[in-house]
Every structure is written in C-alpha cells, then in structure tokens.
N, C-alpha and C. Protein backbone atom coordinates (compact mmCIF):
# COMPACT_ATOMS: atom_id res chain seq x y z
N UNK A 1 108.04 62.28 113.46
CA UNK A 1 108.67 63.39 114.19
C UNK A 1 107.87 63.28 115.90
N UNK A 2 108.10 63.90 116.27
CA UNK A 2 107.01 63.55 117.99
C UNK A 2 106.40 64.93 117.65
N UNK A 3 105.10 64.83 117.50
CA UNK A 3 104.44 66.05 118.33
C UNK A 3 103.52 66.11 119.21
N UNK A 4 103.63 67.23 119.78
CA UNK A 4 102.62 67.02 121.22
C UNK A 4 101.04 67.55 120.66
N UNK A 5 100.34 66.85 121.25
CA UNK A 5 98.95 67.86 119.97
C UNK A 5 98.94 69.21 121.34
N UNK A 6 98.30 69.67 121.05
CA UNK A 6 97.82 71.02 121.48
C UNK A 6 96.77 71.27 122.49
N UNK A 7 97.09 71.97 123.60
CA UNK A 7 96.49 71.77 125.33
C UNK A 7 94.58 72.42 124.94
N UNK A 8 93.97 71.28 125.49
CA UNK A 8 92.88 72.69 125.36
C UNK A 8 92.95 73.25 126.74
N UNK A 9 91.62 74.14 125.84
CA UNK A 9 92.16 75.60 127.81
C UNK A 9 90.86 74.75 128.59
N UNK A 10 90.94 75.37 129.84
CA UNK A 10 89.17 74.75 130.33
C UNK A 10 87.69 74.54 130.26
N UNK A 11 87.27 74.12 130.65
CA UNK A 11 85.88 75.20 130.32
C UNK A 11 85.79 76.87 130.62
N UNK A 12 84.75 77.23 130.22
CA UNK A 12 83.89 78.43 131.04
C UNK A 12 85.80 79.43 130.62
N UNK A 13 86.24 79.55 130.47
CA UNK A 13 87.81 80.16 130.38
C UNK A 13 87.89 80.26 128.75
N UNK A 14 87.61 81.64 127.78
CA UNK A 14 87.76 81.68 126.99
C UNK A 14 89.63 81.89 127.22
N UNK A 15 89.85 82.24 125.63
CA UNK A 15 91.46 82.45 126.25
C UNK A 15 91.64 83.55 125.10
N UNK A 16 92.44 84.40 125.72
CA UNK A 16 92.53 85.82 125.75
C UNK A 16 93.84 85.40 124.39
N UNK A 17 92.94 86.49 123.26
CA UNK A 17 93.63 87.03 122.17
C UNK A 17 94.71 87.93 122.32
N UNK A 18 95.25 88.41 123.73
CA UNK A 18 95.43 89.45 123.30
C UNK A 18 97.05 89.13 124.34
N UNK A 19 98.11 89.71 124.44
CA UNK A 19 99.64 89.09 125.19
C UNK A 19 98.92 89.63 126.57
N UNK A 20 98.21 90.69 127.15
CA UNK A 20 98.27 91.95 127.10
C UNK A 20 97.08 91.04 128.33
N UNK A 21 96.02 90.79 128.82
CA UNK A 21 95.56 89.63 128.30
C UNK A 21 95.83 88.67 129.94
N UNK A 22 96.91 87.69 129.14
CA UNK A 22 97.18 87.05 129.71
C UNK A 22 98.06 87.16 130.31
N UNK A 23 98.94 88.72 130.18
CA UNK A 23 99.59 89.49 131.19
C UNK A 23 98.57 89.32 132.44
N UNK A 24 98.18 90.34 132.52
CA UNK A 24 96.79 90.50 133.51
C UNK A 24 96.03 89.48 133.93
N UNK A 25 95.77 88.03 133.72
CA UNK A 25 95.54 87.16 134.07
C UNK A 25 96.76 86.70 135.51
N UNK A 26 97.59 86.74 134.69
CA UNK A 26 99.17 85.78 136.06
C UNK A 26 98.78 86.65 136.90
N UNK A 27 98.65 87.90 136.87
CA UNK A 27 98.81 88.16 137.88
C UNK A 27 97.94 88.79 138.48
N UNK A 28 96.40 88.43 138.57
CA UNK A 28 95.75 88.31 139.29
C UNK A 28 95.48 87.17 139.72
N UNK A 29 95.86 86.01 139.34
CA UNK A 29 96.74 84.74 139.69
C UNK A 29 97.67 85.20 140.85
N UNK A 30 99.24 85.20 140.64
CA UNK A 30 99.41 85.30 141.60
C UNK A 30 99.04 86.83 142.79
N UNK A 31 98.21 87.27 142.20
CA UNK A 31 98.09 89.03 143.42
C UNK A 31 96.74 88.06 144.32
N UNK A 32 96.06 86.55 143.19
CA UNK A 32 95.31 86.23 144.71
C UNK A 32 95.83 85.73 145.20
N UNK A 33 96.65 84.51 145.51
CA UNK A 33 96.99 83.84 146.33
C UNK A 33 97.37 84.41 147.29
N UNK A 34 97.26 83.58 148.20
CA UNK A 34 97.10 84.09 149.43
C UNK A 34 98.86 83.65 150.66
N UNK A 35 99.40 82.37 149.46
CA UNK A 35 101.12 82.40 150.20
C UNK A 35 101.61 82.15 149.23
N UNK A 36 103.21 83.08 150.65
CA UNK A 36 104.34 82.36 148.52
C UNK A 36 104.46 81.31 148.32
N UNK A 37 104.44 80.37 149.03
CA UNK A 37 103.87 79.41 148.06
C UNK A 37 103.48 77.88 147.14
N UNK A 38 101.73 78.98 147.83
CA UNK A 38 101.26 79.61 146.27
C UNK A 38 101.66 79.95 144.88
N UNK A 39 102.56 81.50 145.07
CA UNK A 39 102.45 81.83 144.11
C UNK A 39 103.21 80.81 143.71
N UNK A 40 104.32 80.19 144.48
CA UNK A 40 106.31 79.34 143.66
C UNK A 40 105.20 78.51 143.13
N UNK A 41 104.10 78.14 143.46
CA UNK A 41 103.61 76.83 142.49
C UNK A 41 103.39 77.80 140.99
N UNK A 42 102.39 78.62 141.44
CA UNK A 42 101.97 78.93 140.32
C UNK A 42 102.80 80.09 139.38
N UNK A 43 103.45 79.83 139.80
CA UNK A 43 104.67 81.05 139.10
C UNK A 43 105.85 79.45 138.11
N UNK A 44 105.84 77.51 138.89
CA UNK A 44 106.63 77.17 138.34
C UNK A 44 105.18 76.32 137.48
N UNK A 45 103.82 76.84 137.62
CA UNK A 45 103.26 75.98 136.24
C UNK A 45 104.15 76.86 135.17
N UNK A 46 103.76 78.41 135.15
CA UNK A 46 103.82 79.78 134.28
C UNK A 46 105.66 78.39 133.19
N UNK A 47 105.88 78.63 134.50
CA UNK A 47 107.71 78.18 134.20
C UNK A 47 107.61 76.28 133.33
N UNK A 48 106.72 76.08 133.77
CA UNK A 48 106.68 74.62 133.57
C UNK A 48 106.06 75.39 131.73
N UNK A 49 104.67 76.09 131.58
CA UNK A 49 104.40 76.23 130.47
C UNK A 49 105.18 76.90 129.22
N UNK A 50 105.80 77.85 130.18
CA UNK A 50 107.25 78.78 128.57
C UNK A 50 107.46 77.40 128.22
N UNK A 51 109.24 76.92 129.37
CA UNK A 51 108.95 75.33 128.51
C UNK A 51 109.04 75.09 127.68
N UNK A 52 107.98 74.35 128.05
CA UNK A 52 106.36 73.43 126.86
C UNK A 52 106.74 74.54 125.46
N UNK A 53 106.56 75.47 125.48
CA UNK A 53 106.16 76.51 124.06
C UNK A 53 107.31 77.32 123.98
N UNK A 54 108.19 76.04 124.84
CA UNK A 54 109.40 77.05 123.66
C UNK A 54 110.61 75.43 123.29
N UNK A 55 110.16 74.73 123.68
CA UNK A 55 111.12 74.08 123.61
C UNK A 55 109.23 73.75 121.71
N UNK A 56 108.07 72.93 122.26
CA UNK A 56 107.28 73.74 121.20
C UNK A 56 107.95 75.06 119.64
N UNK A 57 108.03 75.64 120.14
CA UNK A 57 108.32 77.11 118.69
C UNK A 57 109.83 76.23 118.15
N UNK A 58 110.58 75.28 119.00
CA UNK A 58 111.79 75.42 118.65
C UNK A 58 111.89 73.90 118.04
N UNK A 59 110.86 73.40 118.36
CA UNK A 59 110.97 71.62 118.02
C UNK A 59 109.95 72.46 115.80
N UNK A 60 108.72 73.20 115.95
CA UNK A 60 108.32 73.84 115.18
C UNK A 60 109.54 74.50 114.10
N UNK A 61 110.39 75.10 114.29
CA UNK A 61 110.80 75.87 113.73
C UNK A 61 112.04 74.79 113.28
N UNK A 62 112.15 74.04 113.50
CA UNK A 62 112.94 73.24 113.39
C UNK A 62 113.25 72.18 111.86
N UNK A 63 111.39 71.90 112.14
CA UNK A 63 111.00 70.79 110.93
C UNK A 63 110.71 71.65 110.04
N UNK A 64 110.64 73.49 110.11
CA UNK A 64 110.49 73.94 109.04
C UNK A 64 111.34 74.63 108.79
N UNK A 65 112.78 74.06 109.13
CA UNK A 65 114.12 75.44 108.85
C UNK A 65 114.36 75.39 107.56
N UNK A 66 114.21 74.57 106.53
CA UNK A 66 113.88 74.69 105.08
C UNK A 66 112.77 76.19 104.16
N UNK A 67 112.02 75.77 104.79
CA UNK A 67 110.90 76.69 104.99
C UNK A 67 110.50 78.22 105.69
N UNK A 68 111.20 78.25 106.38
CA UNK A 68 111.32 79.72 106.75
C UNK A 68 112.93 80.30 105.92
N UNK A 69 113.67 79.73 105.76
CA UNK A 69 114.73 79.76 104.91
C UNK A 69 114.11 80.21 103.88
N UNK A 70 113.67 79.42 103.02
CA UNK A 70 112.90 79.86 101.85
C UNK A 70 112.15 80.82 101.51
N UNK A 71 111.04 80.79 102.59
CA UNK A 71 110.56 82.71 102.76
C UNK A 71 111.76 83.49 103.28
N UNK A 72 112.83 83.28 104.17
CA UNK A 72 112.86 83.89 104.60
C UNK A 72 113.34 85.09 103.44
N UNK A 73 114.69 84.20 102.55
CA UNK A 73 114.96 84.44 101.10
C UNK A 73 113.88 85.12 100.50
N UNK A 74 112.71 84.88 100.55
CA UNK A 74 111.69 85.82 99.81
C UNK A 74 111.12 86.50 100.33
N UNK A 75 111.31 86.74 101.10
CA UNK A 75 111.24 87.85 101.72
C UNK A 75 112.16 89.58 101.28
N UNK A 76 113.14 88.18 101.43
CA UNK A 76 114.09 89.93 101.63
C UNK A 76 113.86 89.81 100.03
N UNK A 77 114.33 88.91 98.96
CA UNK A 77 114.12 89.98 98.16
C UNK A 77 112.91 90.33 97.07
N UNK A 78 112.12 90.46 97.60
CA UNK A 78 110.67 91.14 97.73
C UNK A 78 110.48 92.61 98.05
N UNK A 79 111.80 92.86 99.85
CA UNK A 79 112.39 93.80 100.19
C UNK A 79 113.08 94.29 99.22
N UNK A 80 113.79 93.98 98.82
CA UNK A 80 115.22 94.80 98.02
C UNK A 80 114.11 95.79 96.83
N UNK A 81 113.44 94.54 95.57
CA UNK A 81 112.61 94.89 94.63
C UNK A 81 111.80 95.80 95.31
N UNK A 82 110.98 95.73 96.53
CA UNK A 82 110.10 96.88 96.67
C UNK A 82 110.61 98.56 96.22
N UNK A 83 111.73 98.45 97.43
CA UNK A 83 112.69 99.97 97.89
C UNK A 83 113.85 100.49 96.28
N UNK A 84 114.07 99.18 95.58
CA UNK A 84 113.80 99.95 93.87
C UNK A 84 113.36 100.43 94.35
N UNK A 85 111.87 99.79 93.94
CA UNK A 85 111.48 100.79 92.88
C UNK A 85 110.39 101.49 93.80
N UNK A 86 110.38 101.73 94.49
CA UNK A 86 110.28 102.97 95.31
C UNK A 86 110.69 104.17 95.11
N UNK A 87 112.63 103.63 95.45
CA UNK A 87 113.74 105.12 94.69
C UNK A 87 113.34 105.17 93.67
N UNK A 88 112.48 103.95 92.59
CA UNK A 88 112.66 104.39 91.22
C UNK A 88 111.47 105.84 90.27
N UNK A 89 110.47 104.54 92.09
CA UNK A 89 109.26 106.28 91.47
C UNK A 89 109.20 107.42 92.05
N UNK A 90 110.02 107.67 92.93
CA UNK A 90 110.21 108.69 93.39
C UNK A 90 111.28 110.00 92.31
N UNK A 91 112.18 109.61 91.54
CA UNK A 91 112.92 109.85 90.56
C UNK A 91 111.83 109.87 89.48
N UNK A 92 110.95 108.73 88.29
CA UNK A 92 109.89 109.14 87.69
C UNK A 92 109.41 110.88 88.41
N UNK A 93 108.81 109.97 89.19
CA UNK A 93 107.67 111.99 90.10
C UNK A 93 108.83 113.16 89.92
N UNK A 94 109.92 112.91 90.42
CA UNK A 94 110.98 113.89 90.22
C UNK A 94 111.33 114.34 89.03
N UNK A 95 111.39 113.80 87.29
CA UNK A 95 111.25 113.93 85.82
C UNK A 95 110.46 114.78 86.32
N UNK A 96 109.04 114.39 86.42
CA UNK A 96 107.87 114.76 86.19
C UNK A 96 107.95 116.14 86.50
N UNK A 97 108.13 115.87 88.77
CA UNK A 97 108.58 117.60 88.16
C UNK A 97 108.74 118.79 86.78
N UNK A 98 110.60 118.38 87.06
CA UNK A 98 111.29 118.39 86.04
C UNK A 98 110.49 119.18 84.62
N UNK A 99 109.62 118.03 83.91
CA UNK A 99 109.46 118.53 82.96
C UNK A 99 108.01 118.62 82.65
N UNK A 100 107.15 119.30 84.72
CA UNK A 100 105.65 119.78 83.46
C UNK A 100 107.17 121.72 84.02
N UNK A 101 107.49 121.61 84.89
CA UNK A 101 108.18 122.99 85.16
C UNK A 101 108.34 123.94 83.62
N UNK A 102 109.18 122.57 83.03
CA UNK A 102 110.03 122.76 81.80
C UNK A 102 108.83 123.25 80.25
N UNK A 103 107.68 121.78 80.59
CA UNK A 103 106.64 123.03 80.07
C UNK A 103 106.18 124.30 80.53
N UNK A 104 105.30 124.51 81.07
CA UNK A 104 105.13 125.61 81.51
C UNK A 104 106.93 126.87 81.35
N UNK A 105 107.51 126.56 80.92
CA UNK A 105 108.45 127.51 80.27
C UNK A 105 108.49 127.58 79.00
N UNK A 106 108.43 126.40 77.92
CA UNK A 106 107.29 127.24 77.23
C UNK A 106 106.92 126.83 76.99
N UNK A 107 105.74 126.71 77.71
CA UNK A 107 104.34 127.88 77.22
C UNK A 107 104.45 129.22 77.73
N UNK A 108 105.78 129.93 78.10
CA UNK A 108 105.10 130.66 78.18
C UNK A 108 105.18 131.37 77.21
N UNK A 109 107.45 130.69 76.57
CA UNK A 109 107.51 131.38 75.46
C UNK A 109 106.39 131.28 74.02
N UNK A 110 106.14 130.41 74.13
CA UNK A 110 104.40 129.81 72.85
C UNK A 110 104.50 130.49 72.87
N UNK A 111 103.84 131.59 73.79
CA UNK A 111 102.77 132.20 74.48
C UNK A 111 103.76 134.15 73.61
N UNK A 112 104.50 134.22 73.74
CA UNK A 112 104.58 135.13 74.17
C UNK A 112 106.01 135.16 72.72
N UNK A 113 105.93 133.95 71.45
CA UNK A 113 106.48 134.60 70.30
C UNK A 113 104.77 134.19 69.69
N UNK A 114 103.14 134.08 70.07
CA UNK A 114 102.73 134.43 69.34
C UNK A 114 102.25 135.40 69.41
N UNK A 115 101.84 135.80 70.07
CA UNK A 115 102.26 137.77 70.97
C UNK A 115 103.48 137.97 69.21
N UNK A 116 104.04 138.16 69.99
CA UNK A 116 104.57 138.86 68.05
C UNK A 116 104.65 138.76 67.20
N UNK A 117 104.09 136.99 66.53
CA UNK A 117 103.77 137.07 65.68
C UNK A 117 102.36 138.58 64.80
N UNK A 118 101.76 138.08 66.21
CA UNK A 118 100.48 138.84 66.20
C UNK A 118 101.04 140.63 65.45
N UNK A 119 101.71 140.75 66.34
CA UNK A 119 102.62 142.06 66.50
C UNK A 119 102.56 141.71 65.26
N UNK A 120 103.97 141.19 64.50
CA UNK A 120 104.67 141.68 62.89
C UNK A 120 103.47 141.43 62.26
N UNK A 121 102.14 140.66 62.32
CA UNK A 121 100.86 140.62 60.98
C UNK A 121 100.54 142.30 61.16
N UNK A 122 100.13 142.59 62.09
CA UNK A 122 99.40 143.91 62.34
C UNK A 122 100.53 145.14 60.85
N UNK A 123 102.03 145.19 61.47
CA UNK A 123 102.84 145.90 61.79
C UNK A 123 102.87 145.44 59.68
N UNK A 124 102.84 144.36 59.28
CA UNK A 124 103.03 143.86 58.71
C UNK A 124 101.77 144.78 56.97
N UNK A 125 100.52 144.16 57.74
CA UNK A 125 99.39 145.22 57.23
C UNK A 125 98.93 146.44 57.49
N UNK A 126 99.80 147.26 58.30
CA UNK A 126 99.76 149.13 58.36
C UNK A 126 100.28 149.41 57.55
N UNK A 127 101.68 148.72 57.24
CA UNK A 127 102.93 148.29 55.93
C UNK A 127 101.91 148.73 54.72
N UNK A 128 101.37 147.11 55.00
CA UNK A 128 100.45 147.23 53.27
C UNK A 128 99.98 148.18 53.22
N UNK A 129 99.08 149.01 53.53
CA UNK A 129 98.50 149.95 53.53
C UNK A 129 98.53 151.45 54.12
N UNK A 130 100.53 151.20 54.00
CA UNK A 130 100.68 152.51 54.91
C UNK A 130 101.20 152.49 52.64
N UNK A 131 101.52 151.82 51.91
CA UNK A 131 102.40 152.03 50.51
C UNK A 131 101.82 151.59 50.06
N UNK A 132 100.09 151.10 50.01
CA UNK A 132 99.80 151.41 48.89
C UNK A 132 98.45 152.91 48.94
N UNK A 133 98.58 153.33 49.92
CA UNK A 133 98.01 154.75 50.25
C UNK A 133 99.35 155.68 49.60
N UNK A 134 100.09 155.09 49.59
CA UNK A 134 101.72 156.27 49.55
C UNK A 134 102.32 156.42 47.56
N UNK A 135 101.59 154.97 47.51
CA UNK A 135 101.90 154.92 46.14
C UNK A 135 99.86 155.53 45.36
N UNK A 136 99.32 155.10 45.91
CA UNK A 136 97.93 156.31 45.25
C UNK A 136 98.25 157.38 45.02
N UNK A 137 98.87 158.29 46.69
CA UNK A 137 98.59 159.25 46.70
C UNK A 137 100.44 160.51 45.55
N UNK A 138 100.93 159.61 45.04
CA UNK A 138 102.40 159.51 44.23
C UNK A 138 101.39 159.65 43.17
N UNK A 139 100.51 158.76 42.60
CA UNK A 139 99.16 159.21 41.34
C UNK A 139 98.08 159.65 41.30
N UNK A 140 98.42 159.96 42.58
CA UNK A 140 97.20 161.55 42.67
C UNK A 140 98.07 162.64 41.43
N UNK A 141 99.18 163.28 42.97
CA UNK A 141 99.60 164.15 42.40
C UNK A 141 100.10 164.00 41.44
N UNK A 142 100.33 163.48 40.32
CA UNK A 142 101.24 163.41 38.75
C UNK A 142 100.65 163.72 37.99
N UNK A 143 99.39 163.09 38.82
CA UNK A 143 97.54 163.66 37.51
C UNK A 143 98.15 164.74 37.76
N UNK A 144 97.25 165.62 38.79
CA UNK A 144 97.50 166.67 39.39
C UNK A 144 97.96 167.67 38.60
N UNK A 145 99.37 167.33 38.16
CA UNK A 145 100.56 168.96 37.83
C UNK A 145 101.17 167.76 36.84
N UNK A 146 101.34 168.67 35.92
CA UNK A 146 101.20 168.35 34.29
C UNK A 146 103.42 168.18 34.33
N UNK A 147 104.27 168.51 35.48
CA UNK A 147 105.63 167.80 34.93
C UNK A 147 106.06 166.47 36.06
N UNK A 148 106.87 166.09 36.05
CA UNK A 148 107.41 164.31 37.59
C UNK A 148 106.78 165.68 38.51
N UNK A 149 106.95 165.38 39.15
CA UNK A 149 107.08 165.10 41.65
C UNK A 149 109.39 166.12 41.25
N UNK A 150 109.34 166.52 42.50
CA UNK A 150 110.72 166.04 42.18
C UNK A 150 110.81 165.10 44.04
N UNK A 151 112.34 164.98 43.87
CA UNK A 151 112.76 163.37 44.72
C UNK A 151 112.82 164.11 45.72
N UNK A 152 112.48 165.35 46.06
CA UNK A 152 111.80 165.89 47.74
C UNK A 152 111.10 165.15 48.01
N UNK A 153 109.77 166.23 47.33
CA UNK A 153 108.11 165.82 47.24
C UNK A 153 107.96 164.46 47.54
N UNK A 154 108.43 163.11 46.57
CA UNK A 154 108.52 162.38 46.72
C UNK A 154 108.94 161.15 48.38
N UNK A 155 110.00 161.92 48.25
CA UNK A 155 110.23 161.30 49.73
C UNK A 155 109.40 161.91 50.21
N UNK A 156 108.82 162.79 50.72
CA UNK A 156 108.14 163.55 51.74
C UNK A 156 106.98 162.76 51.49
N UNK A 157 106.07 162.76 50.99
CA UNK A 157 104.87 161.18 50.55
C UNK A 157 104.79 160.31 50.32
N UNK A 158 106.22 159.99 50.56
CA UNK A 158 106.70 157.98 51.33
C UNK A 158 106.12 158.18 52.88
N UNK A 159 107.96 159.04 53.73
CA UNK A 159 107.98 159.71 54.98
C UNK A 159 107.01 159.77 56.06
N UNK A 160 105.95 160.83 54.81
CA UNK A 160 104.63 161.43 55.52
C UNK A 160 103.12 160.88 55.32
N UNK A 161 102.85 159.51 54.72
CA UNK A 161 102.04 158.70 54.40
C UNK A 161 100.37 159.18 54.33
N UNK A 162 100.68 160.15 55.75
CA UNK A 162 99.08 160.19 56.25
C UNK A 162 98.90 162.41 55.93
N UNK A 163 99.57 162.44 55.08
CA UNK A 163 99.23 164.51 55.50
C UNK A 163 98.11 163.91 54.22
N UNK A 164 97.98 165.53 54.39
CA UNK A 164 96.29 165.94 53.22
C UNK A 164 97.00 166.42 52.49
N UNK A 165 96.03 165.92 50.84
CA UNK A 165 96.54 165.71 49.52
C UNK A 165 96.73 167.07 49.28
C-alpha cells in the first residue's frame, strides 16, 4: 500500500476543529485577495487539497473495506435489536399499566367484600343476641304462667324481641 504521510500544518496557525471555522478562514482568504488571479490561485489550492483529501479518503475506504462492511453489519444488527427491544419495552409498559388498573379494580372489589363480611358478622351477632333474648323471654314467660303459651304469643315474642316483658 502506498500511503501518503499526513501534511503538517504551518507553525503558528492552529488547525480549527470545526468545519465552519475552516470555511470562515477560506472566505477570509478569498476576501483578502486583491485580484482575481490571487482568488484563482486560492481556489486552485482548495481544489487540489479537496482532491487530495478525497483520494486519501477513497484509499482508506478501499483498504478498510472489509472492516467497514463488518462494522456496518454489526451496526445494522444492533440497530434492529435496539428497535425490537424498544418495542418489547413499550409492550411491557402497556401490560404493566393494564395490570395496575386490574389490581386497582381488584383492590376495590376486595375492600367491598371485606366491608360486606363485616356487615354480615354484625348481622350474625345481632341475630345471635336476638335469638338468645327470645329464648330467654319464652322461658321466662312459660315459667310465669302455668299453662303453655299459645303459638300466637310465641310468634309475637319471636318477632318482637325488643318488646317489654
């Protein structure tokens, strides 16, 4: 391979890292030239440097063709993986939001069932109290009277447990 060594910049002039700075310096050089002949000379220098840079770039690309192709393949594969993983992440986020919503609904449902259970316990407790009070009243009424209570009296006692004795 016939490689051209890099050209040293002249001393005192620092190479600009920005392309806009290079463009500004070219514009200044062209503006500072007094005649068209000087401008043509500057233009010829720029074209020569451009052709040299283009040739150097072409040589580098051709000498590293396999490496560049491999890098492009790797980049393409990675880009596809990143895209698919982003889609999967998006799907997972959507599924998580759906799950959160379902959990909220289940939490509300459990809370309602828990409150219903408490109500049922209270009703059961009240029924036990009413049942034991009714039995106690029936026994006390039968003890107070010598005859058996009539079914109508028992029915009234059972249905109205809070009535006075």
